[in-house]
N, C-alpha and C. Protein backbone atom coordinates (compact mmCIF):
# COMPACT_ATOMS: atom_id res chain seq x y z
N UNK A 1 -30.51 8.86 -12.49
CA UNK A 1 -29.51 8.41 -11.94
C UNK A 1 -28.89 7.46 -12.80
N UNK A 2 -29.47 6.99 -13.77
CA UNK A 2 -29.35 5.60 -14.94
C UNK A 2 -28.30 6.18 -15.53
N UNK A 3 -28.34 7.68 -16.20
CA UNK A 3 -27.71 8.24 -16.71
C UNK A 3 -26.38 8.68 -16.14
N UNK A 4 -26.10 8.99 -14.96
CA UNK A 4 -24.76 9.12 -14.15
C UNK A 4 -23.97 7.98 -14.34
N UNK A 5 -24.34 6.79 -14.16
CA UNK A 5 -23.67 5.43 -13.64
C UNK A 5 -23.30 4.65 -15.37
N UNK A 6 -24.01 5.13 -16.46
CA UNK A 6 -23.31 4.64 -17.55
C UNK A 6 -22.13 6.40 -18.18
N UNK A 7 -22.34 6.75 -17.31
CA UNK A 7 -21.11 7.97 -18.40
C UNK A 7 -20.04 7.30 -18.73
N UNK A 8 -19.77 7.07 -19.93
CA UNK A 8 -18.42 6.28 -20.34
C UNK A 8 -16.92 7.40 -19.60
N UNK A 9 -16.97 8.47 -19.03
CA UNK A 9 -16.18 9.19 -18.30
C UNK A 9 -15.81 8.69 -17.26
N UNK A 10 -16.63 7.92 -16.48
CA UNK A 10 -16.28 7.80 -15.17
C UNK A 10 -15.32 6.54 -15.22
N UNK A 11 -15.68 5.72 -15.71
CA UNK A 11 -14.40 4.15 -16.30
C UNK A 11 -13.32 5.15 -16.28
N UNK A 12 -12.89 5.83 -17.40
CA UNK A 12 -11.54 6.06 -17.15
C UNK A 12 -11.06 6.87 -16.15
N UNK A 13 -12.19 7.84 -15.38
CA UNK A 13 -11.62 8.36 -14.22
C UNK A 13 -11.50 7.24 -12.87
N UNK A 14 -12.29 6.39 -12.77
CA UNK A 14 -11.63 5.42 -12.17
C UNK A 14 -10.60 4.68 -12.58
N UNK A 15 -10.51 4.28 -13.86
CA UNK A 15 -8.64 3.67 -14.23
C UNK A 15 -7.81 4.62 -13.69
N UNK A 16 -8.17 5.84 -14.07
CA UNK A 16 -6.77 6.71 -13.82
C UNK A 16 -6.65 7.47 -12.08
N UNK A 17 -7.71 6.78 -11.22
CA UNK A 17 -7.95 6.94 -9.90
C UNK A 17 -6.66 5.94 -9.33
N UNK A 18 -7.62 5.06 -9.49
CA UNK A 18 -7.04 3.81 -9.19
C UNK A 18 -5.50 3.25 -9.56
N UNK A 19 -4.97 3.84 -10.63
CA UNK A 19 -3.36 3.66 -11.27
C UNK A 19 -2.54 4.75 -10.41
N UNK A 20 -3.52 5.55 -10.06
CA UNK A 20 -2.29 6.82 -9.27
C UNK A 20 -2.36 6.08 -7.75
N UNK A 21 -3.29 5.26 -7.54
CA UNK A 21 -3.27 4.67 -6.10
C UNK A 21 -2.42 3.52 -6.28
N UNK A 22 -1.95 3.23 -6.98
CA UNK A 22 -1.53 2.10 -7.15
C UNK A 22 0.17 2.56 -7.42
N UNK A 23 0.14 3.16 -8.33
CA UNK A 23 1.52 3.46 -7.69
C UNK A 23 2.23 4.45 -6.83
N UNK A 24 1.18 4.66 -6.08
CA UNK A 24 1.92 5.58 -5.15
C UNK A 24 2.16 4.68 -3.41
N UNK A 25 0.78 3.26 -3.91
CA UNK A 25 1.36 2.54 -2.79
C UNK A 25 2.94 2.20 -3.30
N UNK A 26 3.13 1.79 -4.51
CA UNK A 26 4.33 1.08 -5.13
C UNK A 26 5.62 1.60 -4.47
N UNK A 27 5.56 3.17 -4.74
CA UNK A 27 6.68 4.29 -4.26
C UNK A 27 6.34 4.08 -2.63
N UNK A 28 6.10 4.03 -2.24
CA UNK A 28 5.42 4.43 -0.68
C UNK A 28 6.48 2.55 0.14
N UNK A 29 6.26 1.99 -1.02
CA UNK A 29 6.50 0.65 -0.07
C UNK A 29 8.21 0.41 -0.57
N UNK A 30 8.80 1.28 -1.71
CA UNK A 30 10.31 0.84 -1.98
C UNK A 30 11.07 2.07 -2.12
N UNK A 31 10.34 2.80 -0.74
CA UNK A 31 11.47 3.78 -1.03
C UNK A 31 12.47 4.20 -0.52
N UNK A 32 13.79 4.91 -0.66
CA UNK A 32 15.62 4.23 -0.47
C UNK A 32 15.02 3.87 1.12
N UNK A 33 14.51 4.70 1.98
CA UNK A 33 14.48 4.76 3.88
C UNK A 33 13.89 3.33 4.05
N UNK A 34 12.93 2.54 3.90
CA UNK A 34 12.08 1.83 4.01
C UNK A 34 12.66 0.44 4.60
N UNK A 35 13.69 -0.03 3.45
CA UNK A 35 14.19 -1.51 4.25
C UNK A 35 14.74 -1.81 4.98
N UNK A 36 15.27 -0.84 6.27
CA UNK A 36 15.57 -0.99 7.67
C UNK A 36 14.47 -1.30 7.93
N UNK A 37 13.17 -0.66 8.07
CA UNK A 37 12.17 -0.50 8.95
C UNK A 37 11.36 -1.76 8.65
N UNK A 38 11.23 -2.35 7.18
CA UNK A 38 10.67 -3.77 6.63
C UNK A 38 11.45 -4.69 7.61
N UNK A 39 12.55 -4.53 8.03
CA UNK A 39 13.56 -5.15 8.22
C UNK A 39 13.39 -6.16 9.47
N UNK A 40 13.23 -4.90 10.22
CA UNK A 40 13.01 -4.95 11.86
C UNK A 40 11.62 -5.64 11.76
N UNK A 41 10.62 -5.32 11.19
CA UNK A 41 9.47 -6.01 11.06
C UNK A 41 9.19 -7.19 10.99
N UNK A 42 10.07 -7.67 9.90
CA UNK A 42 10.36 -8.93 9.79
C UNK A 42 10.38 -10.17 10.83
N UNK A 43 11.62 -8.97 11.73
CA UNK A 43 12.41 -10.01 12.38
C UNK A 43 11.57 -10.20 13.88
N UNK A 44 10.60 -9.31 13.55
CA UNK A 44 9.32 -9.47 15.29
C UNK A 44 9.32 -10.77 15.90
N UNK A 45 8.84 -11.41 14.69
CA UNK A 45 8.64 -12.80 15.20
C UNK A 45 9.76 -13.87 16.10
N UNK A 46 10.63 -13.54 15.54
CA UNK A 46 12.38 -14.47 15.80
C UNK A 46 12.54 -13.87 17.02
N UNK A 47 12.49 -12.66 17.52
CA UNK A 47 13.07 -11.43 18.68
C UNK A 47 12.88 -12.41 19.84
N UNK A 48 13.57 -13.57 20.23
CA UNK A 48 13.87 -13.38 21.70
C UNK A 48 13.23 -12.88 23.30
N UNK A 49 13.99 -12.08 23.10
CA UNK A 49 14.24 -11.03 24.22
C UNK A 49 12.70 -10.19 24.64
N UNK A 50 11.69 -10.20 23.43
CA UNK A 50 10.93 -9.57 23.48
C UNK A 50 9.59 -10.54 24.47
N UNK A 51 9.85 -11.88 23.34
CA UNK A 51 8.79 -12.79 23.99
C UNK A 51 9.17 -13.24 25.38
N UNK A 52 10.35 -13.95 25.97
CA UNK A 52 10.55 -14.02 26.93
C UNK A 52 10.18 -12.70 28.20
N UNK A 53 10.15 -11.42 28.01
CA UNK A 53 9.43 -10.44 28.90
C UNK A 53 8.20 -10.22 29.34
N UNK A 54 7.66 -10.78 28.42
CA UNK A 54 6.02 -11.31 28.28
C UNK A 54 5.30 -12.00 29.30
C-alpha cells in the first residue's frame, strides 16, 4: 500500500484532475447565458412581492 501512495505519477494525475475541474467550473460560471440567471438570484433577498406573500 505504501508503494501506491508513493507513486510520483499520482501527483500529476491529481494536478490534472483538479485543473480540469477548475476550468470546467470556471467555464460553467461564465458561460454566455448565465448572466440573467445570476442577476435573478442576486435579487431574491430584495424582492418585496415574495416577502409579503409569506
